[in-house]
């Protein structure tokens, strides 16, 4: 690494930020902090990472947190000696969260780590524990059962109302060799009948017998809602907004590719209640889906980190990266930053493209999907008029 890293100057007392990965999530963190004069270092694993072409961060080639954790620890320890102050280290994906927790003892003295430690993190990452915690807090959650053997599956399967969703207890469990192929590299599988569930479990049991089964939340994809928030060290929500997934791709379990700001007091109330019950501190994306028959919002998951669409908050005056930085690095006494009521849309072009291609295959025409592409207040996963490099220079990957 040598002289490729420039230490923060004495004229800039604010500590720098280090972002693990600079795709949509990390790129938005860099842009949002750079706007406030924060020096940002983006760690990239390949030459086509979008952040490599951004004017808002200095990119450094680094080992990958998922596949090269030990070399990455060494890299970060060395990097810390070259930077002034105690930088903040932002995760952008589940592998980063797991990496930071496993290596907290080595990294915590050198970096501010903006995620809860130990059991407070596990109760979120373990989807069975999260469902139990939600129910205890009075936050609706689909019926959830964890099975670890064929006998447990045969006992539980007849008592579900179908369809159900099968998923990993910990998301990373399904990324391992063997089980990843058995589940076709999906993060969840919708299963229509008891026989299908038993057959599915029979295929995955030899690779990974620990499985979570949840009843399906009936409703369209556009009934998925997001409460995005930062809960500070003083246990106050210091910034938040609510948004609706208008489109996700692939359907049912895909990533949001059209997401719009929306006022929804019930989703905000449930999100606040859950984060308080979890004693959570940090940035969180709390996702709900409206159950069509009952009308209630039921919990899907919590991401204890920034997520792809967090830049949407900028359209309503809520910069979650800056709120987190102020709380953790500057210790600012700050008043909560509420959404200012402005509308806005976030669009992921690759996901939208995949959905449009699928529409063409099935002879569907749905103009609303592209109607908001150039609407005022629209934010994009990669494109930014003031920072066009990541969009113009990177290699386009298939949707």
Protein backbone atom coordinates (compact mmCIF):
# COMPACT_ATOMS: atom_id res chain seq x y z
CA UNK A 1 0.00 0.00 0.00
CA UNK A 2 2.90 2.31 0.82
CA UNK A 3 2.55 5.89 -0.36
CA UNK A 4 -0.82 5.37 -2.06
CA UNK A 5 -2.61 6.55 1.08
CA UNK A 6 -2.54 10.22 2.07
CA UNK A 7 -3.03 10.85 5.77
CA UNK A 8 -5.67 13.37 6.76
CA UNK A 9 -4.15 16.82 7.10
CA UNK A 10 -3.83 18.72 10.35
CA UNK A 11 -6.21 21.32 8.91
CA UNK A 12 -8.99 18.70 8.75
CA UNK A 13 -9.51 17.50 12.34
CA UNK A 14 -12.52 15.38 11.53
CA UNK A 15 -11.55 11.71 11.29
CA UNK A 16 -11.92 10.06 7.87
CA UNK A 17 -14.43 7.39 6.95
CA UNK A 18 -13.51 3.99 5.53
CA UNK A 19 -16.21 2.23 3.50
CA UNK A 20 -16.15 -1.52 2.88
CA UNK A 21 -17.14 -1.92 -0.79
CA UNK A 22 -18.26 0.90 -3.09
CA UNK A 23 -21.25 -0.40 -4.97
CA UNK A 24 -24.61 1.35 -4.53
CA UNK A 25 -24.59 1.34 -0.72
CA UNK A 26 -20.97 2.34 -0.22
CA UNK A 27 -21.01 4.85 -3.06
CA UNK A 28 -23.97 6.65 -1.47
CA UNK A 29 -22.19 6.73 1.92
CA UNK A 30 -19.15 8.32 0.26
CA UNK A 31 -21.24 10.90 -1.57
CA UNK A 32 -23.27 11.77 1.52
CA UNK A 33 -20.21 12.26 3.74
CA UNK A 34 -18.08 14.02 1.15
CA UNK A 35 -20.80 16.67 0.92
CA UNK A 36 -19.87 17.61 4.51
CA UNK A 37 -16.13 17.69 3.91
CA UNK A 38 -15.37 14.24 5.29
CA UNK A 39 -12.43 12.44 3.71
CA UNK A 40 -13.65 9.03 2.55
CA UNK A 41 -11.60 5.95 1.66
CA UNK A 42 -13.49 3.33 -0.34
CA UNK A 43 -12.13 -0.22 -0.27
CA UNK A 44 -12.56 -2.00 -3.59
CA UNK A 45 -11.80 -5.56 -4.62
CA UNK A 46 -11.81 -5.05 -8.40
CA UNK A 47 -11.10 -2.35 -10.97
CA UNK A 48 -14.75 -2.04 -12.02
CA UNK A 49 -16.19 -1.25 -8.58
CA UNK A 50 -18.24 1.94 -9.14
CA UNK A 51 -16.46 3.83 -6.37
CA UNK A 52 -13.20 3.48 -8.31
CA UNK A 53 -14.43 6.27 -10.58
CA UNK A 54 -16.04 8.55 -8.02
CA UNK A 55 -14.69 11.96 -7.10
CA UNK A 56 -16.12 11.56 -3.60
CA UNK A 57 -13.69 8.95 -2.28
CA UNK A 58 -10.12 7.72 -2.58
CA UNK A 59 -10.31 4.06 -3.50
CA UNK A 60 -7.86 1.43 -2.28
CA UNK A 61 -7.59 -2.15 -3.50
CA UNK A 62 -8.16 -4.37 -0.48
CA UNK A 63 -8.92 -8.02 0.39
CA UNK A 64 -12.58 -9.07 0.47
CA UNK A 65 -14.29 -9.36 3.86
CA UNK A 66 -16.08 -12.58 2.95
CA UNK A 67 -13.29 -14.54 1.30
CA UNK A 68 -10.11 -12.99 2.76
CA UNK A 69 -10.91 -11.90 6.32
CA UNK A 70 -7.43 -12.34 7.82
CA UNK A 71 -5.63 -10.34 5.08
CA UNK A 72 -8.30 -7.64 5.37
CA UNK A 73 -7.68 -7.31 9.12
CA UNK A 74 -3.98 -6.81 8.42
CA UNK A 75 -4.78 -4.29 5.70
CA UNK A 76 -7.06 -2.27 8.00
CA UNK A 77 -4.60 -2.31 10.89
CA UNK A 78 -1.93 -0.96 8.55
CA UNK A 79 -4.31 1.61 7.07
CA UNK A 80 -5.23 2.95 10.51
CA UNK A 81 -1.58 3.83 11.18
CA UNK A 82 -1.62 6.05 8.09
CA UNK A 83 -4.75 8.02 8.94
CA UNK A 84 -5.28 10.72 11.53
CA UNK A 85 -7.65 10.13 14.41
CA UNK A 86 -9.94 7.13 14.81
CA UNK A 87 -11.72 6.60 11.47
CA UNK A 88 -15.25 5.26 11.24
CA UNK A 89 -15.56 1.95 9.39
CA UNK A 90 -18.83 1.47 7.49
CA UNK A 91 -20.09 -2.02 6.52
CA UNK A 92 -22.24 -2.28 3.39
CA UNK A 93 -23.32 -5.95 3.29
CA UNK A 94 -23.94 -8.89 5.61
CA UNK A 95 -20.44 -10.30 5.04
CA UNK A 96 -18.99 -7.01 6.32
CA UNK A 97 -21.14 -7.14 9.44
CA UNK A 98 -19.97 -10.66 10.22
CA UNK A 99 -16.36 -9.68 9.51
CA UNK A 100 -16.48 -6.67 11.85
CA UNK A 101 -18.08 -8.65 14.67
CA UNK A 102 -15.58 -11.51 14.42
CA UNK A 103 -12.63 -9.12 14.36
CA UNK A 104 -13.92 -6.46 16.73
CA UNK A 105 -11.14 -7.03 19.29
CA UNK A 106 -8.46 -6.20 16.71
CA UNK A 107 -10.30 -3.34 14.99
CA UNK A 108 -12.26 -1.58 17.73
CA UNK A 109 -9.20 0.19 19.24
CA UNK A 110 -8.40 1.64 15.80
CA UNK A 111 -11.81 2.32 14.25
CA UNK A 112 -15.30 3.41 15.22
CA UNK A 113 -17.49 0.41 14.40
CA UNK A 114 -21.10 1.56 13.84
CA UNK A 115 -22.95 -1.67 14.63
CA UNK A 116 -24.12 -3.19 17.91
CA UNK A 117 -21.88 -5.87 19.43
CA UNK A 118 -22.42 -9.44 20.59
CA UNK A 119 -25.90 -10.58 21.49
CA UNK A 120 -27.53 -7.31 20.41
CA UNK A 121 -26.29 -8.03 16.91
CA UNK A 122 -27.06 -11.76 16.94
CA UNK A 123 -30.72 -11.20 17.80
CA UNK A 124 -31.02 -9.31 14.51
CA UNK A 125 -28.91 -11.56 12.29
CA UNK A 126 -30.59 -14.73 13.61
CA UNK A 127 -33.96 -14.59 11.86
CA UNK A 128 -35.62 -16.94 14.35
CA UNK A 129 -34.54 -14.87 17.34
CA UNK A 130 -35.63 -11.71 15.54
CA UNK A 131 -39.12 -13.07 14.93
CA UNK A 132 -39.42 -14.05 18.60
CA UNK A 133 -38.20 -10.62 19.73
CA UNK A 134 -40.70 -8.90 17.42
CA UNK A 135 -43.63 -10.86 18.81
CA UNK A 136 -42.51 -10.13 22.37
CA UNK A 137 -42.39 -6.41 21.52
CA UNK A 138 -45.88 -6.43 20.04
CA UNK A 139 -44.63 -6.10 16.45
CA UNK A 140 -46.54 -8.45 14.11
CA UNK A 141 -44.41 -11.18 12.54
CA UNK A 142 -45.36 -14.22 10.43
CA UNK A 143 -45.50 -17.55 12.23
CA UNK A 144 -41.91 -18.77 12.31
CA UNK A 145 -40.49 -22.22 13.07
CA UNK A 146 -36.87 -23.35 13.11
CA UNK A 147 -36.19 -26.99 12.16
CA UNK A 148 -32.89 -28.84 12.49
CA UNK A 149 -33.73 -32.40 11.48
CA UNK A 150 -36.04 -34.47 9.34
CA UNK A 151 -38.00 -35.48 12.43
CA UNK A 152 -38.58 -31.83 13.40
CA UNK A 153 -39.67 -31.07 9.85
CA UNK A 154 -42.19 -33.94 9.79
CA UNK A 155 -43.62 -32.67 13.08
CA UNK A 156 -43.86 -29.01 12.05
CA UNK A 157 -44.83 -29.22 8.37
CA UNK A 158 -48.49 -30.31 8.79
CA UNK A 159 -49.25 -27.33 11.04
CA UNK A 160 -48.44 -24.58 8.55
CA UNK A 161 -50.89 -22.71 6.36
CA UNK A 162 -49.43 -22.80 2.87
CA UNK A 163 -47.66 -21.27 1.02
CA UNK A 164 -44.65 -20.82 3.27
CA UNK A 165 -41.19 -19.31 2.85
CA UNK A 166 -38.03 -21.31 3.52
CA UNK A 167 -34.89 -19.35 4.32
CA UNK A 168 -31.62 -19.58 6.19
CA UNK A 169 -31.54 -18.81 9.92
CA UNK A 170 -28.44 -16.72 9.19
CA UNK A 171 -28.35 -15.30 5.66
CA UNK A 172 -24.73 -16.33 5.13
CA UNK A 173 -25.57 -20.01 5.75
CA UNK A 174 -26.97 -20.36 2.23
CA UNK A 175 -23.86 -18.88 0.61
CA UNK A 176 -21.68 -21.88 1.47
CA UNK A 177 -20.67 -24.46 -1.11
CA UNK A 178 -23.21 -27.26 -1.43
CA UNK A 179 -26.16 -25.51 0.13
CA UNK A 180 -25.81 -22.56 -2.29
CA UNK A 181 -26.25 -24.92 -5.22
CA UNK A 182 -29.09 -26.83 -3.52
CA UNK A 183 -31.14 -23.63 -3.14
CA UNK A 184 -30.14 -22.33 -6.60
CA UNK A 185 -28.32 -19.41 -4.94
CA UNK A 186 -31.60 -17.88 -3.78
CA UNK A 187 -31.99 -16.12 -0.43
CA UNK A 188 -35.49 -17.54 0.14
CA UNK A 189 -37.82 -20.05 -1.51
CA UNK A 190 -41.62 -19.88 -1.66
CA UNK A 191 -43.12 -23.35 -1.16
CA UNK A 192 -46.74 -24.11 -2.00
CA UNK A 193 -47.54 -27.35 -0.15
CA UNK A 194 -46.63 -29.70 2.67
CA UNK A 195 -45.26 -32.30 0.25
CA UNK A 196 -43.12 -29.68 -1.50
CA UNK A 197 -41.70 -28.48 1.82
CA UNK A 198 -40.77 -31.99 2.94
CA UNK A 199 -39.15 -32.67 -0.46
CA UNK A 200 -37.25 -29.36 -0.34
CA UNK A 201 -35.90 -30.13 3.11
CA UNK A 202 -34.81 -33.55 1.94
CA UNK A 203 -32.64 -31.88 -0.73
CA UNK A 204 -30.94 -29.42 1.59
CA UNK A 205 -30.63 -31.51 4.78
CA UNK A 206 -27.38 -33.22 3.74
CA UNK A 207 -25.77 -29.82 3.16
CA UNK A 208 -27.25 -27.71 5.95
CA UNK A 209 -30.11 -29.04 8.10
CA UNK A 210 -30.82 -25.79 9.98
CA UNK A 211 -33.81 -24.15 8.29
CA UNK A 212 -36.28 -21.36 9.03
CA UNK A 213 -39.87 -21.75 7.84
CA UNK A 214 -42.23 -18.76 7.86
CA UNK A 215 -45.79 -18.42 6.72
CA UNK A 216 -46.09 -16.38 3.55
CA UNK A 217 -47.27 -12.78 3.98
CA UNK A 218 -50.02 -12.54 1.40
CA UNK A 219 -49.86 -9.34 -0.62
CA UNK A 220 -48.26 -7.76 -3.68
CA UNK A 221 -44.61 -6.73 -3.81
CA UNK A 222 -45.59 -3.06 -3.64
CA UNK A 223 -46.91 -3.64 -0.12
CA UNK A 224 -43.34 -3.88 1.19
CA UNK A 225 -42.44 -0.88 3.36
CA UNK A 226 -39.11 0.33 4.76
CA UNK A 227 -38.45 2.24 7.95
CA UNK A 228 -34.91 3.57 7.58
CA UNK A 229 -33.41 5.10 10.71
CA UNK A 230 -30.39 5.91 12.79
CA UNK A 231 -30.76 5.32 16.54
CA UNK A 232 -28.05 7.07 18.49
CA UNK A 233 -25.93 6.36 21.53
CA UNK A 234 -28.50 8.13 23.71
CA UNK A 235 -31.21 5.73 22.41
CA UNK A 236 -33.03 8.41 20.43
CA UNK A 237 -33.99 8.06 16.78
CA UNK A 238 -31.87 10.87 15.32
CA UNK A 239 -32.88 10.52 11.68
CA UNK A 240 -35.51 8.52 9.81
CA UNK A 241 -37.73 8.18 6.76
CA UNK A 242 -40.32 5.73 5.40
CA UNK A 243 -40.44 4.37 1.85
CA UNK A 244 -42.41 1.89 -0.23
CA UNK A 245 -40.98 -0.68 -2.62
CA UNK A 246 -42.92 -0.01 -5.80
CA UNK A 247 -41.00 -2.70 -7.65
CA UNK A 248 -38.55 -5.41 -6.67
CA UNK A 249 -36.72 -7.78 -8.94
CA UNK A 250 -36.81 -10.73 -9.06
CA UNK A 251 -40.41 -10.76 -7.77
CA UNK A 252 -41.16 -11.88 -4.20
CA UNK A 253 -37.58 -11.99 -2.89
CA UNK A 254 -35.66 -9.55 -5.04
CA UNK A 255 -34.03 -6.23 -4.27
CA UNK A 256 -36.04 -3.03 -4.43
CA UNK A 257 -35.40 -1.35 -7.78
CA UNK A 258 -38.06 1.37 -7.58
CA UNK A 259 -38.50 2.72 -4.05
CA UNK A 260 -40.51 5.84 -3.18
CA UNK A 261 -40.71 8.02 -0.11
CA UNK A 262 -44.05 7.77 1.62
CA UNK A 263 -45.56 8.96 4.86
CA UNK A 264 -46.80 6.01 6.91
CA UNK A 265 -47.22 6.59 10.67
CA UNK A 266 -47.98 2.92 11.37
CA UNK A 267 -44.76 1.67 9.78
CA UNK A 268 -42.81 4.37 11.62
CA UNK A 269 -44.45 3.41 14.92
CA UNK A 270 -43.68 -0.29 14.48
CA UNK A 271 -40.11 0.40 13.38
CA UNK A 272 -39.44 2.61 16.37
CA UNK A 273 -40.98 0.08 18.73
CA UNK A 274 -38.85 -2.77 17.39
CA UNK A 275 -35.55 -0.86 17.51
CA UNK A 276 -36.31 0.21 21.08
CA UNK A 277 -37.16 -3.37 22.11
CA UNK A 278 -33.89 -4.57 20.57
CA UNK A 279 -31.89 -1.84 22.37
CA UNK A 280 -30.50 -1.16 18.92
CA UNK A 281 -27.95 1.57 18.27
CA UNK A 282 -26.81 2.37 14.75
CA UNK A 283 -28.25 2.52 11.24
CA UNK A 284 -31.06 0.11 10.42
CA UNK A 285 -33.37 -0.78 7.59
CA UNK A 286 -36.52 -2.34 9.05
CA UNK A 287 -38.67 -3.96 6.38
CA UNK A 288 -42.37 -4.79 6.70
CA UNK A 289 -45.01 -6.15 4.36
CA UNK A 290 -48.72 -5.42 4.60
CA UNK A 291 -50.69 -8.63 5.06
CA UNK A 292 -53.56 -8.27 2.59
CA UNK A 293 -56.30 -10.16 4.49
CA UNK A 294 -55.73 -8.45 7.86
CA UNK A 295 -54.24 -5.12 6.76
CA UNK A 296 -51.50 -5.31 9.39
CA UNK A 297 -47.84 -4.73 8.67
CA UNK A 298 -45.71 -7.77 9.47
CA UNK A 299 -41.96 -7.82 9.94
CA UNK A 300 -39.77 -9.24 7.18
CA UNK A 301 -36.24 -8.43 8.34
CA UNK A 302 -33.84 -5.91 9.82
CA UNK A 303 -30.55 -4.90 8.20
CA UNK A 304 -28.30 -3.38 10.91
CA UNK A 305 -26.37 -1.22 8.44
CA UNK A 306 -26.76 1.15 5.52
CA UNK A 307 -28.56 -0.45 2.57
CA UNK A 308 -28.83 0.31 -1.16
CA UNK A 309 -31.71 2.80 -0.98
CA UNK A 310 -30.53 4.83 2.02
CA UNK A 311 -29.57 7.68 -0.35
CA UNK A 312 -33.30 8.23 -0.85
CA UNK A 313 -33.29 9.97 2.50
CA UNK A 314 -31.40 12.85 0.88
CA UNK A 315 -34.50 13.69 -1.15
CA UNK A 316 -36.36 14.47 2.09
CA UNK A 317 -33.48 16.04 3.99
CA UNK A 318 -32.34 12.97 5.96
CA UNK A 319 -28.65 12.11 5.46
CA UNK A 320 -28.30 8.99 7.61
CA UNK A 321 -24.56 8.65 6.97
CA UNK A 322 -23.94 12.19 8.21
CA UNK A 323 -26.23 11.71 11.21
CA UNK A 324 -24.30 8.56 12.17
CA UNK A 325 -20.96 10.30 11.67
CA UNK A 326 -21.96 13.27 13.81
CA UNK A 327 -23.17 11.04 16.63
CA UNK A 328 -20.28 8.58 16.63
CA UNK A 329 -17.29 10.68 15.54
CA UNK A 330 -18.12 14.22 16.64
CA UNK A 331 -20.38 13.55 19.62
CA UNK A 332 -22.64 16.39 18.49
CA UNK A 333 -25.65 17.13 20.66
CA UNK A 334 -28.20 17.07 17.87
CA UNK A 335 -31.91 17.32 17.43
CA UNK A 336 -33.61 14.52 15.47
CA UNK A 337 -33.73 15.05 11.72
CA UNK A 338 -37.25 14.37 10.48
CA UNK A 339 -38.22 13.98 6.80
CA UNK A 340 -39.21 17.37 5.41
CA UNK A 341 -42.22 16.06 3.50
CA UNK A 342 -40.65 16.18 0.05
CA UNK A 343 -41.28 13.28 -2.29
CA UNK A 344 -38.63 11.23 -4.01
CA UNK A 345 -37.88 7.99 -5.83
CA UNK A 346 -34.80 5.74 -5.85
CA UNK A 347 -34.11 3.62 -8.94
CA UNK A 348 -31.73 0.73 -9.54
CA UNK A 349 -31.24 0.62 -13.31
CA UNK A 350 -30.03 -2.99 -13.56
CA UNK A 351 -32.99 -4.34 -11.57
CA UNK A 352 -35.43 -2.20 -13.54
CA UNK A 353 -33.89 -3.43 -16.79
CA UNK A 354 -34.32 -7.05 -15.69
CA UNK A 355 -37.97 -6.45 -14.84
CA UNK A 356 -38.64 -4.75 -18.18
CA UNK A 357 -36.99 -7.60 -20.08
CA UNK A 358 -39.21 -10.05 -18.21
CA UNK A 359 -42.26 -7.97 -19.13
CA UNK A 360 -41.31 -8.15 -22.80
CA UNK A 361 -40.97 -11.92 -22.59
CA UNK A 362 -44.51 -12.15 -21.26
CA UNK A 363 -46.00 -9.54 -23.59
CA UNK A 364 -46.67 -7.05 -20.77
CA UNK A 365 -46.43 -3.27 -21.07
CA UNK A 366 -46.37 -1.33 -17.79
CA UNK A 367 -45.39 2.29 -18.49
CA UNK A 368 -45.43 3.28 -14.80
CA UNK A 369 -42.10 1.51 -14.36
CA UNK A 370 -40.27 4.14 -16.41
CA UNK A 371 -42.55 7.11 -15.73
CA UNK A 372 -40.44 8.35 -12.82
CA UNK A 373 -37.00 7.99 -14.39
CA UNK A 374 -36.48 11.72 -14.84
CA UNK A 375 -38.86 13.07 -12.23
CA UNK A 376 -37.52 15.74 -9.81
CA UNK A 377 -36.34 14.16 -6.57
CA UNK A 378 -35.28 10.90 -8.26
CA UNK A 379 -32.07 9.33 -6.98
CA UNK A 380 -30.23 6.49 -8.68
CA UNK A 381 -28.19 3.55 -7.45
CA UNK A 382 -25.11 4.62 -9.44
CA UNK A 383 -25.84 7.66 -11.60
CA UNK A 384 -25.35 11.16 -10.18
CA UNK A 385 -25.05 14.25 -12.37
CA UNK A 386 -22.40 15.71 -10.08
CA UNK A 387 -20.42 12.46 -9.99
CA UNK A 388 -20.94 10.72 -13.37
CA UNK A 389 -17.76 8.63 -13.35
CA UNK A 390 -19.14 5.53 -11.59
CA UNK A 391 -21.95 5.25 -14.17
CA UNK A 392 -19.99 6.16 -17.29
CA UNK A 393 -16.77 4.25 -16.71
CA UNK A 394 -17.66 1.02 -14.94
CA UNK A 395 -18.31 -2.21 -16.78
CA UNK A 396 -22.01 -3.00 -16.84
CA UNK A 397 -22.86 -6.31 -15.21
CA UNK A 398 -25.87 -8.40 -16.24
CA UNK A 399 -29.06 -7.81 -14.21
